[in-house]
Amino acid sequence: MPVKAGFFMEQKDILTSLSLIQKDFQLNSNHWKIAEEEINAEKAFSLLYKLVEHLLSHDFNRLINSLYRIDVSEEKLKAALAISSNPAQTISEMIWERELQKVEFRKRYAQS
């Protein structure tokens, strides 16, 4: 599965991003059973991708509600999906990018 920006990051940021995703999708803390030392950005993205794929097929309303909570731009999403051959990939990339922005934003303001 092709991977975009944000895949060269600290493990702490990856874990924070996964934690944000769990919160935004209202998943219990045991949803993804993976050891911290085993996680990397690619594995984290793969977990997100599988979740999005599942929700696209089985619970579209929950996916839409989660996208709203995450604050994925509706206009950008519509434009991206209009040219995408893989909606799950496109949506996952947009979620991942937005969550990484949140992590960076929090880090920047925590240092101030």
C-alpha atoms as a PDB file:
ATOM      1  CA  MET A   1       0.000   0.000   0.000  1.00  0.00           C
ATOM      2  CA  PRO A   2       1.562   3.332  -1.015  1.00  0.00           C
ATOM      3  CA  VAL A   3       2.343   5.717   1.812  1.00  0.00           C
ATOM      4  CA  LYS A   4       2.482   9.515   1.761  1.00  0.00           C
ATOM      5  CA  ALA A   5       3.908  12.208   4.010  1.00  0.00           C
ATOM      6  CA  GLY A   6       4.463  11.793   7.711  1.00  0.00           C
ATOM      7  CA  PHE A   7       6.043   8.369   7.680  1.00  0.00           C
ATOM      8  CA  PHE A   8       9.387   9.460   9.049  1.00  0.00           C
ATOM      9  CA  MET A   9       8.441  10.432  12.556  1.00  0.00           C
ATOM     10  CA  GLU A  10       9.253   9.691  16.152  1.00  0.00           C
ATOM     11  CA  GLN A  11       7.637   6.679  17.753  1.00  0.00           C
ATOM     12  CA  LYS A  12       6.122   8.903  20.440  1.00  0.00           C
ATOM     13  CA  ASP A  13       4.348  10.920  17.727  1.00  0.00           C
ATOM     14  CA  ILE A  14       3.084   7.739  16.084  1.00  0.00           C
ATOM     15  CA  LEU A  15       1.646   6.530  19.378  1.00  0.00           C
ATOM     16  CA  THR A  16       0.077   9.927  20.037  1.00  0.00           C
ATOM     17  CA  SER A  17      -1.495   9.869  16.565  1.00  0.00           C
ATOM     18  CA  LEU A  18      -2.912   6.391  17.147  1.00  0.00           C
ATOM     19  CA  SER A  19      -4.272   7.529  20.483  1.00  0.00           C
ATOM     20  CA  LEU A  20      -6.006  10.490  18.803  1.00  0.00           C
ATOM     21  CA  ILE A  21      -7.451   8.178  16.163  1.00  0.00           C
ATOM     22  CA  GLN A  22      -8.775   5.817  18.850  1.00  0.00           C
ATOM     23  CA  LYS A  23     -10.404   8.770  20.620  1.00  0.00           C
ATOM     24  CA  ASP A  24     -11.870  10.273  17.436  1.00  0.00           C
ATOM     25  CA  PHE A  25     -13.284   6.938  16.268  1.00  0.00           C
ATOM     26  CA  GLN A  26     -14.431   6.155  19.816  1.00  0.00           C
ATOM     27  CA  LEU A  27     -12.502   2.887  19.952  1.00  0.00           C
ATOM     28  CA  ASN A  28     -11.672   1.246  23.252  1.00  0.00           C
ATOM     29  CA  SER A  29      -8.029   1.392  24.305  1.00  0.00           C
ATOM     30  CA  ASN A  30      -7.541  -2.316  23.527  1.00  0.00           C
ATOM     31  CA  HIS A  31      -8.823  -2.048  19.953  1.00  0.00           C
ATOM     32  CA  TRP A  32      -5.326  -2.259  18.484  1.00  0.00           C
ATOM     33  CA  LYS A  33      -3.274  -4.781  20.402  1.00  0.00           C
ATOM     34  CA  ILE A  34       0.251  -3.971  19.344  1.00  0.00           C
ATOM     35  CA  ALA A  35       3.374  -3.595  21.443  1.00  0.00           C
ATOM     36  CA  GLU A  36       4.869  -0.104  21.515  1.00  0.00           C
ATOM     37  CA  GLU A  37       8.252  -1.373  20.374  1.00  0.00           C
ATOM     38  CA  GLU A  38       6.649  -2.993  17.307  1.00  0.00           C
ATOM     39  CA  ILE A  39       4.851   0.102  16.053  1.00  0.00           C
ATOM     40  CA  ASN A  40       6.097   2.258  13.229  1.00  0.00           C
ATOM     41  CA  ALA A  41       4.359   4.742  10.944  1.00  0.00           C
ATOM     42  CA  GLU A  42       3.665   2.171   8.246  1.00  0.00           C
ATOM     43  CA  LYS A  43       2.050  -0.268  10.685  1.00  0.00           C
ATOM     44  CA  ALA A  44       0.043   2.547  12.261  1.00  0.00           C
ATOM     45  CA  PHE A  45      -1.194   3.660   8.860  1.00  0.00           C
ATOM     46  CA  SER A  46      -2.074   0.079   7.974  1.00  0.00           C
ATOM     47  CA  LEU A  47      -4.230  -0.179  11.128  1.00  0.00           C
ATOM     48  CA  LEU A  48      -5.976   3.060  10.198  1.00  0.00           C
ATOM     49  CA  TYR A  49      -6.469   1.901   6.615  1.00  0.00           C
ATOM     50  CA  LYS A  50      -8.107  -1.355   7.744  1.00  0.00           C
ATOM     51  CA  LEU A  51     -10.408   0.583  10.069  1.00  0.00           C
ATOM     52  CA  VAL A  52     -11.453   2.986   7.297  1.00  0.00           C
ATOM     53  CA  GLU A  53     -11.973   0.116   4.866  1.00  0.00           C
ATOM     54  CA  HIS A  54     -14.193  -1.658   7.409  1.00  0.00           C
ATOM     55  CA  LEU A  55     -16.223   1.458   8.156  1.00  0.00           C
ATOM     56  CA  LEU A  56     -16.690   2.241   4.471  1.00  0.00           C
ATOM     57  CA  SER A  57     -18.291  -1.172   4.045  1.00  0.00           C
ATOM     58  CA  HIS A  58     -20.097  -1.632   7.348  1.00  0.00           C
ATOM     59  CA  ASP A  59     -20.692   1.656   9.183  1.00  0.00           C
ATOM     60  CA  PHE A  60     -20.495   4.629   6.837  1.00  0.00           C
ATOM     61  CA  ASN A  61     -22.282   6.971   9.264  1.00  0.00           C
ATOM     62  CA  ARG A  62     -19.677   6.305  11.954  1.00  0.00           C
ATOM     63  CA  LEU A  63     -16.932   7.063   9.443  1.00  0.00           C
ATOM     64  CA  ILE A  64     -18.569  10.365   8.466  1.00  0.00           C
ATOM     65  CA  ASN A  65     -19.073  11.341  12.113  1.00  0.00           C
ATOM     66  CA  SER A  66     -15.447  10.527  12.873  1.00  0.00           C
ATOM     67  CA  LEU A  67     -14.230  12.579   9.910  1.00  0.00           C
ATOM     68  CA  TYR A  68     -16.214  15.499  11.287  1.00  0.00           C
ATOM     69  CA  ARG A  69     -14.657  15.037  14.760  1.00  0.00           C
ATOM     70  CA  ILE A  70     -11.177  14.798  13.257  1.00  0.00           C
ATOM     71  CA  ASP A  71     -11.887  17.964  11.264  1.00  0.00           C
ATOM     72  CA  VAL A  72     -11.031  16.619   7.827  1.00  0.00           C
ATOM     73  CA  SER A  73     -11.973  19.278   5.296  1.00  0.00           C
ATOM     74  CA  GLU A  74     -15.171  18.247   3.530  1.00  0.00           C
ATOM     75  CA  GLU A  75     -14.225  20.164   0.387  1.00  0.00           C
ATOM     76  CA  LYS A  76     -10.762  18.599   0.190  1.00  0.00           C
ATOM     77  CA  LEU A  77     -12.239  15.177   0.868  1.00  0.00           C
ATOM     78  CA  LYS A  78     -14.808  15.503  -1.918  1.00  0.00           C
ATOM     79  CA  ALA A  79     -12.165  16.734  -4.360  1.00  0.00           C
ATOM     80  CA  ALA A  80      -9.757  13.938  -3.445  1.00  0.00           C
ATOM     81  CA  LEU A  81     -12.419  11.246  -3.654  1.00  0.00           C
ATOM     82  CA  ALA A  82     -13.550  12.501  -7.067  1.00  0.00           C
ATOM     83  CA  ILE A  83     -10.174  11.556  -8.565  1.00  0.00           C
ATOM     84  CA  SER A  84      -9.332   8.594  -6.323  1.00  0.00           C
ATOM     85  CA  SER A  85      -9.386   4.979  -7.402  1.00  0.00           C
ATOM     86  CA  ASN A  86      -9.046   3.854  -3.763  1.00  0.00           C
ATOM     87  CA  PRO A  87     -11.365   5.758  -1.386  1.00  0.00           C
ATOM     88  CA  ALA A  88     -10.104   3.951   1.729  1.00  0.00           C
ATOM     89  CA  GLN A  89      -6.520   4.939   0.916  1.00  0.00           C
ATOM     90  CA  THR A  90      -7.485   8.557   0.238  1.00  0.00           C
ATOM     91  CA  ILE A  91      -9.560   8.901   3.402  1.00  0.00           C
ATOM     92  CA  SER A  92      -6.854   7.207   5.496  1.00  0.00           C
ATOM     93  CA  GLU A  93      -4.189   9.556   4.156  1.00  0.00           C
ATOM     94  CA  MET A  94      -6.336  12.591   4.939  1.00  0.00           C
ATOM     95  CA  ILE A  95      -7.022  11.352   8.481  1.00  0.00           C
ATOM     96  CA  TRP A  96      -3.355  10.551   9.069  1.00  0.00           C
ATOM     97  CA  GLU A  97      -2.269  13.956   7.774  1.00  0.00           C
ATOM     98  CA  ARG A  98      -4.793  15.755   9.990  1.00  0.00           C
ATOM     99  CA  GLU A  99      -3.836  13.789  13.102  1.00  0.00           C
ATOM    100  CA  LEU A 100      -0.150  14.497  12.457  1.00  0.00           C
ATOM    101  CA  GLN A 101      -0.978  18.198  12.210  1.00  0.00           C
ATOM    102  CA  LYS A 102      -2.626  17.979  15.619  1.00  0.00           C
ATOM    103  CA  VAL A 103       0.429  16.246  17.116  1.00  0.00           C
ATOM    104  CA  GLU A 104       2.784  18.873  15.670  1.00  0.00           C
ATOM    105  CA  PHE A 105       0.529  21.686  16.839  1.00  0.00           C
ATOM    106  CA  ARG A 106       0.446  20.304  20.383  1.00  0.00           C
ATOM    107  CA  LYS A 107       4.214  19.822  20.443  1.00  0.00           C
ATOM    108  CA  ARG A 108       4.800  23.371  19.228  1.00  0.00           C
ATOM    109  CA  TYR A 109       2.564  24.900  21.874  1.00  0.00           C
ATOM    110  CA  ALA A 110       3.772  22.622  24.660  1.00  0.00           C
ATOM    111  CA  GLN A 111       7.279  24.010  24.159  1.00  0.00           C
ATOM    112  CA  SER A 112       6.079  27.637  24.402  1.00  0.00           C
END
